[in-house]
N, C-alpha and C. Protein backbone atom coordinates (compact mmCIF):
# COMPACT_ATOMS: atom_id res chain seq x y z
N MET A 1 7.32 -9.26 22.30
CA MET A 1 7.00 -7.96 22.87
C MET A 1 5.49 -7.84 22.92
N ASN A 2 4.96 -7.53 24.07
CA ASN A 2 3.53 -7.52 24.27
C ASN A 2 2.99 -6.12 24.55
N GLN A 3 3.63 -5.09 24.03
CA GLN A 3 3.19 -3.72 24.24
C GLN A 3 2.23 -3.32 23.13
N SER A 4 1.29 -2.44 23.48
CA SER A 4 0.41 -1.92 22.45
C SER A 4 1.18 -0.95 21.58
N LYS A 5 0.66 -0.72 20.39
CA LYS A 5 1.31 0.21 19.47
C LYS A 5 1.39 1.61 20.06
N GLU A 6 0.32 2.08 20.71
CA GLU A 6 0.30 3.42 21.30
C GLU A 6 1.32 3.54 22.43
N ASN A 7 1.41 2.53 23.27
CA ASN A 7 2.36 2.52 24.37
C ASN A 7 3.79 2.54 23.84
N LEU A 8 4.05 1.74 22.83
CA LEU A 8 5.37 1.69 22.22
C LEU A 8 5.75 3.05 21.63
N LYS A 9 4.81 3.67 20.91
CA LYS A 9 5.09 4.98 20.30
C LYS A 9 5.29 6.06 21.36
N SER A 10 4.63 5.95 22.49
CA SER A 10 4.79 6.98 23.53
C SER A 10 6.17 6.90 24.17
N GLN A 11 6.84 5.76 24.09
CA GLN A 11 8.16 5.59 24.67
C GLN A 11 9.27 5.67 23.63
N SER A 12 8.90 5.80 22.36
CA SER A 12 9.87 5.76 21.28
C SER A 12 9.83 7.04 20.47
N VAL A 13 10.87 7.22 19.67
CA VAL A 13 11.00 8.42 18.85
C VAL A 13 11.46 8.02 17.45
N PRO A 14 10.86 8.60 16.39
CA PRO A 14 11.35 8.31 15.05
C PRO A 14 12.71 8.98 14.85
N VAL A 15 13.68 8.23 14.35
CA VAL A 15 15.04 8.76 14.19
C VAL A 15 15.57 8.68 12.76
N ALA A 16 14.88 7.94 11.90
CA ALA A 16 15.40 7.75 10.54
C ALA A 16 14.29 7.20 9.64
N THR A 17 14.60 7.17 8.36
CA THR A 17 13.72 6.59 7.35
C THR A 17 14.50 5.56 6.55
N LEU A 18 13.86 4.43 6.23
CA LEU A 18 14.51 3.42 5.40
C LEU A 18 14.39 3.80 3.93
N GLY A 19 15.50 3.70 3.23
CA GLY A 19 15.52 3.92 1.80
C GLY A 19 15.46 2.59 1.08
N PRO A 20 15.95 2.55 -0.15
CA PRO A 20 15.91 1.30 -0.92
C PRO A 20 16.98 0.31 -0.45
N PRO A 21 16.77 -0.97 -0.77
CA PRO A 21 17.79 -1.98 -0.44
C PRO A 21 19.09 -1.68 -1.16
N HIS A 22 20.18 -2.19 -0.61
CA HIS A 22 21.51 -2.03 -1.19
C HIS A 22 22.13 -3.42 -1.29
N GLY A 23 22.29 -3.93 -2.48
CA GLY A 23 22.83 -5.28 -2.64
C GLY A 23 21.75 -6.33 -2.54
N LEU A 24 22.18 -7.59 -2.45
CA LEU A 24 21.25 -8.72 -2.50
C LEU A 24 20.93 -9.35 -1.15
N LYS A 25 21.72 -9.06 -0.11
CA LYS A 25 21.60 -9.81 1.14
C LYS A 25 20.82 -9.10 2.24
N GLY A 26 20.07 -8.06 1.91
CA GLY A 26 19.22 -7.43 2.91
C GLY A 26 19.76 -6.15 3.52
N GLU A 27 20.89 -5.65 3.00
CA GLU A 27 21.39 -4.36 3.49
C GLU A 27 20.49 -3.26 2.93
N VAL A 28 20.32 -2.18 3.69
CA VAL A 28 19.39 -1.12 3.30
C VAL A 28 19.99 0.24 3.62
N ARG A 29 19.60 1.23 2.82
CA ARG A 29 19.99 2.61 3.10
C ARG A 29 19.09 3.15 4.21
N VAL A 30 19.71 3.82 5.18
CA VAL A 30 18.98 4.42 6.29
C VAL A 30 19.36 5.90 6.35
N TYR A 31 18.34 6.77 6.30
CA TYR A 31 18.55 8.21 6.30
C TYR A 31 18.17 8.78 7.68
N PRO A 32 19.18 9.03 8.54
CA PRO A 32 18.86 9.56 9.88
C PRO A 32 18.37 11.00 9.81
N PHE A 33 17.38 11.33 10.63
CA PHE A 33 16.82 12.68 10.65
C PHE A 33 17.81 13.72 11.13
N HIS A 34 18.75 13.33 11.97
CA HIS A 34 19.69 14.29 12.56
C HIS A 34 21.04 14.28 11.87
N GLY A 35 21.19 13.57 10.76
CA GLY A 35 22.48 13.50 10.07
C GLY A 35 23.43 12.55 10.78
N LYS A 36 24.53 12.25 10.13
CA LYS A 36 25.51 11.31 10.66
C LYS A 36 26.09 11.80 11.99
N GLU A 37 26.41 13.06 12.07
CA GLU A 37 27.08 13.60 13.25
C GLU A 37 26.28 13.40 14.53
N PHE A 38 24.95 13.49 14.43
CA PHE A 38 24.10 13.39 15.61
C PHE A 38 23.27 12.12 15.65
N SER A 39 23.55 11.21 14.76
CA SER A 39 22.76 9.99 14.69
C SER A 39 22.93 9.14 15.94
N GLN A 40 21.84 8.50 16.34
CA GLN A 40 21.84 7.59 17.48
C GLN A 40 22.07 6.14 17.05
N LEU A 41 22.11 5.92 15.74
CA LEU A 41 22.22 4.55 15.24
C LEU A 41 23.59 3.97 15.56
N LYS A 42 23.57 2.69 15.99
CA LYS A 42 24.82 2.00 16.27
C LYS A 42 24.57 0.49 16.20
N LYS A 43 25.63 -0.26 16.06
CA LYS A 43 25.55 -1.71 16.01
C LYS A 43 24.98 -2.24 17.32
N GLU A 44 24.15 -3.28 17.23
CA GLU A 44 23.50 -3.95 18.36
C GLU A 44 22.33 -3.18 18.95
N LEU A 45 21.96 -2.03 18.38
CA LEU A 45 20.84 -1.24 18.88
C LEU A 45 19.53 -1.89 18.44
N LYS A 46 18.59 -2.03 19.38
CA LYS A 46 17.26 -2.51 19.06
C LYS A 46 16.43 -1.31 18.59
N VAL A 47 15.77 -1.48 17.46
CA VAL A 47 14.93 -0.43 16.89
C VAL A 47 13.60 -1.05 16.47
N PHE A 48 12.66 -0.17 16.11
CA PHE A 48 11.35 -0.59 15.63
C PHE A 48 11.14 -0.01 14.25
N LEU A 49 10.65 -0.80 13.33
CA LEU A 49 10.34 -0.34 11.98
C LEU A 49 8.84 -0.21 11.85
N GLN A 50 8.38 0.98 11.51
CA GLN A 50 6.94 1.24 11.36
C GLN A 50 6.64 1.45 9.89
N LEU A 51 5.80 0.58 9.34
CA LEU A 51 5.39 0.72 7.95
C LEU A 51 4.69 2.06 7.73
N PRO A 52 4.92 2.70 6.58
CA PRO A 52 4.19 3.93 6.29
C PRO A 52 2.71 3.62 6.09
N GLU A 53 1.86 4.65 6.28
CA GLU A 53 0.41 4.47 6.16
C GLU A 53 0.00 3.84 4.85
N LYS A 54 0.67 4.24 3.75
CA LYS A 54 0.28 3.72 2.44
C LYS A 54 0.54 2.22 2.29
N LYS A 55 1.39 1.63 3.14
CA LYS A 55 1.68 0.20 3.07
C LYS A 55 0.98 -0.58 4.18
N SER A 56 0.38 0.12 5.13
CA SER A 56 -0.25 -0.53 6.28
C SER A 56 -1.74 -0.24 6.24
N LEU A 57 -2.55 -1.27 6.32
CA LEU A 57 -3.99 -1.11 6.30
C LEU A 57 -4.43 -0.29 7.51
N ASN A 58 -4.94 0.92 7.27
CA ASN A 58 -5.38 1.83 8.33
C ASN A 58 -4.28 2.13 9.35
N ASN A 59 -3.01 2.01 8.92
CA ASN A 59 -1.86 2.25 9.80
C ASN A 59 -1.97 1.41 11.08
N SER A 60 -2.46 0.18 10.94
CA SER A 60 -2.72 -0.65 12.11
C SER A 60 -1.62 -1.66 12.40
N ALA A 61 -0.66 -1.81 11.52
CA ALA A 61 0.38 -2.81 11.73
C ALA A 61 1.26 -2.45 12.92
N MET A 62 1.54 -3.44 13.73
CA MET A 62 2.46 -3.23 14.85
C MET A 62 3.86 -3.02 14.29
N PRO A 63 4.64 -2.16 14.92
CA PRO A 63 6.03 -2.00 14.48
C PRO A 63 6.80 -3.30 14.65
N LEU A 64 7.76 -3.52 13.78
CA LEU A 64 8.61 -4.71 13.85
C LEU A 64 9.84 -4.37 14.67
N MET A 65 10.06 -5.12 15.74
CA MET A 65 11.27 -4.93 16.54
C MET A 65 12.40 -5.71 15.89
N THR A 66 13.54 -5.06 15.70
CA THR A 66 14.70 -5.70 15.09
C THR A 66 15.96 -5.09 15.67
N LYS A 67 17.10 -5.67 15.34
CA LYS A 67 18.36 -5.18 15.87
C LYS A 67 19.32 -4.90 14.72
N ILE A 68 20.08 -3.82 14.86
CA ILE A 68 21.11 -3.49 13.87
C ILE A 68 22.29 -4.43 14.09
N THR A 69 22.64 -5.20 13.05
CA THR A 69 23.77 -6.13 13.18
C THR A 69 25.03 -5.60 12.50
N SER A 70 24.86 -4.65 11.58
CA SER A 70 26.00 -4.06 10.89
C SER A 70 25.61 -2.66 10.45
N LEU A 71 26.57 -1.74 10.54
CA LEU A 71 26.30 -0.36 10.15
C LEU A 71 27.58 0.25 9.60
N ARG A 72 27.48 0.88 8.43
CA ARG A 72 28.61 1.63 7.87
C ARG A 72 28.06 2.88 7.21
N TRP A 73 28.86 3.93 7.21
CA TRP A 73 28.39 5.24 6.75
C TRP A 73 28.91 5.61 5.38
N THR A 74 28.04 6.24 4.60
CA THR A 74 28.44 6.93 3.38
C THR A 74 28.26 8.42 3.71
N PRO A 75 28.63 9.34 2.83
CA PRO A 75 28.41 10.75 3.14
C PRO A 75 26.94 11.14 3.36
N GLU A 76 26.00 10.46 2.71
CA GLU A 76 24.59 10.85 2.80
C GLU A 76 23.72 9.96 3.68
N TYR A 77 24.12 8.73 3.94
CA TYR A 77 23.26 7.79 4.65
C TYR A 77 24.09 6.68 5.27
N ALA A 78 23.42 5.86 6.07
CA ALA A 78 24.05 4.67 6.65
C ALA A 78 23.60 3.45 5.86
N LEU A 79 24.46 2.48 5.73
CA LEU A 79 24.11 1.18 5.16
C LEU A 79 24.01 0.21 6.33
N VAL A 80 22.83 -0.41 6.48
CA VAL A 80 22.53 -1.17 7.68
C VAL A 80 22.01 -2.56 7.33
N PHE A 81 22.44 -3.54 8.13
CA PHE A 81 21.83 -4.85 8.14
C PHE A 81 21.04 -4.97 9.44
N PHE A 82 19.81 -5.47 9.36
CA PHE A 82 18.98 -5.76 10.53
C PHE A 82 18.88 -7.27 10.68
N ASP A 83 18.78 -7.76 11.91
CA ASP A 83 18.75 -9.21 12.13
C ASP A 83 17.47 -9.88 11.61
N SER A 84 16.44 -9.11 11.28
CA SER A 84 15.18 -9.68 10.81
C SER A 84 15.12 -9.95 9.31
N PHE A 85 16.15 -9.54 8.57
CA PHE A 85 16.10 -9.63 7.11
C PHE A 85 17.36 -10.30 6.57
N THR A 86 17.14 -11.19 5.58
CA THR A 86 18.28 -11.88 4.99
C THR A 86 18.40 -11.67 3.48
N ASP A 87 17.42 -10.98 2.88
CA ASP A 87 17.55 -10.68 1.45
C ASP A 87 16.84 -9.38 1.10
N ARG A 88 17.14 -8.87 -0.06
CA ARG A 88 16.64 -7.56 -0.47
C ARG A 88 15.12 -7.50 -0.60
N ASP A 89 14.47 -8.61 -0.97
CA ASP A 89 13.02 -8.59 -1.11
C ASP A 89 12.33 -8.42 0.25
N GLN A 90 12.88 -9.01 1.28
CA GLN A 90 12.30 -8.86 2.62
C GLN A 90 12.37 -7.40 3.08
N ILE A 91 13.52 -6.78 2.95
CA ILE A 91 13.69 -5.40 3.43
C ILE A 91 12.99 -4.41 2.51
N LYS A 92 12.86 -4.75 1.22
CA LYS A 92 12.19 -3.84 0.28
C LYS A 92 10.74 -3.58 0.70
N ALA A 93 10.11 -4.55 1.32
CA ALA A 93 8.73 -4.37 1.80
C ALA A 93 8.65 -3.26 2.86
N PHE A 94 9.77 -2.95 3.50
CA PHE A 94 9.79 -1.92 4.55
C PHE A 94 10.35 -0.59 4.06
N GLN A 95 10.63 -0.48 2.76
CA GLN A 95 11.14 0.79 2.21
C GLN A 95 10.19 1.93 2.57
N ASP A 96 10.73 3.06 2.93
CA ASP A 96 10.01 4.27 3.36
C ASP A 96 9.47 4.16 4.78
N SER A 97 9.76 3.07 5.49
CA SER A 97 9.34 2.94 6.88
C SER A 97 10.15 3.88 7.76
N GLU A 98 9.56 4.25 8.88
CA GLU A 98 10.31 5.02 9.88
C GLU A 98 11.03 4.05 10.80
N VAL A 99 12.23 4.47 11.22
CA VAL A 99 12.99 3.73 12.21
C VAL A 99 12.79 4.46 13.54
N TRP A 100 12.28 3.74 14.53
CA TRP A 100 12.01 4.31 15.86
C TRP A 100 12.96 3.66 16.86
N MET A 101 13.36 4.42 17.86
CA MET A 101 14.14 3.85 18.95
C MET A 101 13.61 4.36 20.28
N LEU A 102 13.84 3.59 21.32
CA LEU A 102 13.39 3.99 22.64
C LEU A 102 14.13 5.24 23.09
N ARG A 103 13.40 6.17 23.66
CA ARG A 103 14.00 7.42 24.13
C ARG A 103 15.08 7.15 25.17
N GLU A 104 14.90 6.13 25.97
CA GLU A 104 15.89 5.80 27.01
C GLU A 104 17.24 5.39 26.42
N ASP A 105 17.26 5.01 25.13
CA ASP A 105 18.51 4.62 24.48
C ASP A 105 19.26 5.81 23.86
N PHE A 106 18.68 7.01 23.91
CA PHE A 106 19.34 8.19 23.36
C PHE A 106 20.57 8.54 24.19
N LYS A 107 21.57 9.11 23.54
CA LYS A 107 22.74 9.64 24.23
C LYS A 107 22.33 10.87 25.02
N GLU A 108 22.97 11.07 26.15
CA GLU A 108 22.74 12.29 26.93
C GLU A 108 23.34 13.47 26.17
N LEU A 109 22.64 14.59 26.16
CA LEU A 109 23.15 15.79 25.51
C LEU A 109 24.16 16.47 26.43
N GLU A 110 25.19 17.07 25.82
CA GLU A 110 26.27 17.67 26.59
C GLU A 110 25.97 19.09 27.05
N ASN A 111 25.20 19.84 26.29
CA ASN A 111 24.95 21.25 26.60
C ASN A 111 23.46 21.50 26.80
N ASP A 112 23.15 22.50 27.63
CA ASP A 112 21.75 22.87 27.88
C ASP A 112 21.06 23.42 26.64
N ASN A 113 21.83 23.97 25.69
CA ASN A 113 21.21 24.54 24.50
C ASN A 113 21.06 23.52 23.37
N GLU A 114 21.37 22.26 23.62
CA GLU A 114 21.19 21.22 22.63
C GLU A 114 19.83 20.55 22.82
N TYR A 115 19.29 20.03 21.74
CA TYR A 115 18.02 19.31 21.81
C TYR A 115 17.92 18.39 20.61
N TYR A 116 17.03 17.45 20.68
CA TYR A 116 16.74 16.59 19.54
C TYR A 116 15.51 17.15 18.83
N LEU A 117 15.49 17.05 17.51
CA LEU A 117 14.32 17.52 16.76
C LEU A 117 13.05 16.86 17.28
N SER A 118 13.14 15.62 17.66
CA SER A 118 11.95 14.92 18.16
C SER A 118 11.38 15.57 19.42
N ASP A 119 12.21 16.33 20.15
CA ASP A 119 11.71 17.05 21.32
C ASP A 119 10.71 18.13 20.93
N LEU A 120 10.71 18.53 19.66
CA LEU A 120 9.84 19.61 19.19
C LEU A 120 8.51 19.11 18.64
N LEU A 121 8.31 17.80 18.58
CA LEU A 121 7.04 17.27 18.07
C LEU A 121 5.89 17.78 18.93
N GLY A 122 4.84 18.28 18.28
CA GLY A 122 3.69 18.82 18.98
C GLY A 122 3.81 20.28 19.37
N PHE A 123 4.99 20.87 19.16
CA PHE A 123 5.17 22.29 19.49
C PHE A 123 4.43 23.17 18.50
N GLU A 124 3.96 24.31 18.97
CA GLU A 124 3.36 25.32 18.11
C GLU A 124 4.49 26.06 17.39
N VAL A 125 4.25 26.40 16.13
CA VAL A 125 5.23 27.18 15.36
C VAL A 125 4.65 28.56 15.10
N GLN A 126 5.43 29.58 15.43
CA GLN A 126 5.03 30.96 15.18
C GLN A 126 6.05 31.61 14.26
N HIS A 127 5.57 32.57 13.45
CA HIS A 127 6.48 33.31 12.59
C HIS A 127 7.06 34.49 13.34
N PHE A 128 8.35 34.74 13.14
CA PHE A 128 9.11 35.76 13.86
C PHE A 128 8.58 37.18 13.61
N SER A 129 8.23 37.49 12.38
CA SER A 129 7.88 38.87 12.03
C SER A 129 6.54 39.33 12.61
N ASP A 130 5.58 38.40 12.74
CA ASP A 130 4.26 38.83 13.21
C ASP A 130 3.69 37.98 14.36
N SER A 131 4.47 37.05 14.87
CA SER A 131 4.05 36.13 15.96
C SER A 131 2.80 35.33 15.61
N LYS A 132 2.45 35.28 14.33
CA LYS A 132 1.29 34.53 13.88
C LYS A 132 1.55 33.02 14.00
N MET A 133 0.57 32.30 14.54
CA MET A 133 0.70 30.85 14.64
C MET A 133 0.58 30.23 13.25
N ILE A 134 1.55 29.43 12.91
CA ILE A 134 1.55 28.75 11.61
C ILE A 134 0.87 27.39 11.73
N GLY A 135 1.16 26.67 12.81
CA GLY A 135 0.59 25.34 13.02
C GLY A 135 1.38 24.59 14.06
N LEU A 136 1.19 23.26 14.11
CA LEU A 136 1.89 22.40 15.05
C LEU A 136 2.85 21.49 14.30
N ILE A 137 4.00 21.22 14.90
CA ILE A 137 4.96 20.29 14.29
C ILE A 137 4.42 18.88 14.44
N GLU A 138 4.14 18.25 13.32
CA GLU A 138 3.56 16.91 13.31
C GLU A 138 4.63 15.84 13.15
N SER A 139 5.64 16.11 12.29
CA SER A 139 6.67 15.11 12.04
C SER A 139 7.87 15.75 11.36
N PHE A 140 8.92 14.97 11.21
CA PHE A 140 10.11 15.36 10.47
C PHE A 140 10.38 14.29 9.44
N TYR A 141 11.07 14.65 8.39
CA TYR A 141 11.45 13.64 7.41
C TYR A 141 12.71 14.06 6.68
N PHE A 142 13.30 13.10 6.00
CA PHE A 142 14.49 13.30 5.19
C PHE A 142 14.05 13.60 3.77
N ASN A 143 14.47 14.74 3.21
CA ASN A 143 14.05 15.08 1.85
C ASN A 143 15.16 14.91 0.82
N GLY A 144 16.29 14.38 1.23
CA GLY A 144 17.37 14.13 0.29
C GLY A 144 18.37 15.25 0.19
N ALA A 145 17.97 16.47 0.51
CA ALA A 145 18.88 17.61 0.42
C ALA A 145 19.12 18.23 1.78
N ASN A 146 18.08 18.37 2.57
CA ASN A 146 18.21 18.96 3.89
C ASN A 146 17.44 18.08 4.87
N GLN A 147 18.12 17.57 5.88
CA GLN A 147 17.51 16.57 6.75
C GLN A 147 16.52 17.13 7.75
N SER A 148 16.46 18.41 7.92
CA SER A 148 15.60 19.00 8.96
C SER A 148 14.36 19.65 8.36
N VAL A 149 13.48 18.85 7.82
CA VAL A 149 12.24 19.36 7.27
C VAL A 149 11.11 18.96 8.21
N ALA A 150 10.33 19.95 8.63
CA ALA A 150 9.21 19.69 9.53
C ALA A 150 7.90 19.77 8.78
N LYS A 151 7.02 18.83 9.06
CA LYS A 151 5.66 18.89 8.53
C LYS A 151 4.82 19.57 9.59
N ILE A 152 4.25 20.72 9.23
CA ILE A 152 3.47 21.53 10.16
C ILE A 152 2.03 21.56 9.67
N THR A 153 1.11 21.28 10.58
CA THR A 153 -0.30 21.24 10.19
C THR A 153 -1.11 22.20 11.04
N SER A 154 -2.14 22.74 10.42
CA SER A 154 -3.13 23.55 11.12
C SER A 154 -4.47 23.22 10.49
N LYS A 155 -5.54 23.84 10.96
CA LYS A 155 -6.87 23.58 10.37
C LYS A 155 -6.92 24.03 8.92
N GLU A 156 -6.19 25.10 8.61
CA GLU A 156 -6.26 25.68 7.27
C GLU A 156 -5.31 25.06 6.25
N MET A 157 -4.16 24.54 6.74
CA MET A 157 -3.15 24.10 5.77
C MET A 157 -2.22 23.06 6.34
N GLU A 158 -1.47 22.48 5.43
CA GLU A 158 -0.36 21.61 5.77
C GLU A 158 0.86 22.20 5.08
N LEU A 159 1.94 22.37 5.82
CA LEU A 159 3.10 23.09 5.33
C LEU A 159 4.37 22.33 5.67
N GLU A 160 5.35 22.38 4.80
CA GLU A 160 6.66 21.79 5.07
C GLU A 160 7.66 22.92 5.11
N VAL A 161 8.42 23.00 6.19
CA VAL A 161 9.41 24.08 6.34
C VAL A 161 10.74 23.51 6.77
N LEU A 162 11.79 24.20 6.36
CA LEU A 162 13.12 23.85 6.83
C LEU A 162 13.22 24.27 8.28
N LEU A 163 13.62 23.36 9.11
CA LEU A 163 13.78 23.66 10.53
C LEU A 163 15.26 23.51 10.86
N ILE A 164 16.03 24.47 10.40
CA ILE A 164 17.47 24.46 10.60
C ILE A 164 17.86 25.65 11.47
N PRO A 165 19.02 25.58 12.13
CA PRO A 165 19.40 26.63 13.08
C PRO A 165 19.31 28.06 12.55
N GLN A 166 19.60 28.28 11.28
CA GLN A 166 19.54 29.63 10.72
C GLN A 166 18.12 30.22 10.77
N PHE A 167 17.10 29.39 10.78
CA PHE A 167 15.71 29.87 10.74
C PHE A 167 15.04 29.87 12.11
N ILE A 168 15.61 29.15 13.08
CA ILE A 168 15.01 29.10 14.41
C ILE A 168 15.49 30.31 15.21
N LYS A 169 14.57 31.17 15.56
CA LYS A 169 14.91 32.38 16.32
C LYS A 169 14.85 32.13 17.82
N ARG A 170 13.89 31.31 18.26
CA ARG A 170 13.73 31.09 19.69
C ARG A 170 12.88 29.84 19.92
N ILE A 171 13.19 29.14 21.00
CA ILE A 171 12.36 28.01 21.43
C ILE A 171 11.94 28.29 22.86
N ASP A 172 10.64 28.30 23.10
CA ASP A 172 10.10 28.48 24.45
C ASP A 172 9.65 27.10 24.92
N TRP A 173 10.48 26.49 25.77
CA TRP A 173 10.22 25.11 26.21
C TRP A 173 9.01 25.03 27.12
N GLU A 174 8.76 26.06 27.91
CA GLU A 174 7.61 26.04 28.82
C GLU A 174 6.29 26.14 28.07
N LYS A 175 6.23 27.04 27.08
CA LYS A 175 5.00 27.23 26.31
C LYS A 175 4.92 26.30 25.11
N LYS A 176 5.99 25.56 24.85
CA LYS A 176 6.08 24.65 23.70
C LYS A 176 5.84 25.39 22.39
N VAL A 177 6.68 26.41 22.16
CA VAL A 177 6.58 27.24 20.97
C VAL A 177 7.95 27.35 20.31
N VAL A 178 7.97 27.20 18.99
CA VAL A 178 9.17 27.45 18.19
C VAL A 178 8.88 28.67 17.33
N VAL A 179 9.74 29.68 17.42
CA VAL A 179 9.60 30.88 16.61
C VAL A 179 10.61 30.79 15.48
N ILE A 180 10.10 30.88 14.24
CA ILE A 180 10.98 30.74 13.07
C ILE A 180 10.91 31.97 12.19
N ASP A 181 11.95 32.17 11.43
CA ASP A 181 12.01 33.18 10.39
C ASP A 181 12.41 32.44 9.13
N ASN A 182 11.42 31.89 8.45
CA ASN A 182 11.66 30.98 7.35
C ASN A 182 11.18 31.61 6.04
N PRO A 183 12.08 31.76 5.08
CA PRO A 183 11.69 32.39 3.81
C PRO A 183 10.64 31.63 3.01
N ILE A 184 10.51 30.33 3.24
CA ILE A 184 9.51 29.54 2.52
C ILE A 184 8.10 29.98 2.94
N TYR A 185 7.95 30.33 4.19
CA TYR A 185 6.64 30.71 4.72
C TYR A 185 6.18 32.05 4.19
N GLU A 186 7.10 32.99 4.03
CA GLU A 186 6.72 34.37 3.66
C GLU A 186 6.22 34.48 2.24
């Protein structure tokens, strides 16, 4: 693959995080951002693994392209084999990496009111009670208890908020604004 990292990222979306290895032969826990019900992960899917900044010198490492060869679900995560790894030490080096997939490989949504969390990246977040801008959605991650946690940044602060349907009051797709009523913020 001869694409630049920036070009690859512009066509791809983070969909999961790698957890610790499982067993001796290179199987790994994968925590999808959208949960099992909405996960895009499937056997034979080509994905990209991006090392976290703390493991990559200046976050300069190119993502590793690999393919899912086996996938099985537990209640909290998927257990996955990738074709690039044959033992636990190889995959352990990628623990905490993000799993990215090409947007063109996403399933089509059935309803107009459905969206992927990744569609909200870069959106402004405002609070429902006072319309005050909180910041911009920078990323999502799996926190072990609730899969929809957004990292929101502004000049003044960095904030993590639950971005679940109960707290989302409105999404303005034209203005790229998410209005939330989140008790953590108040």
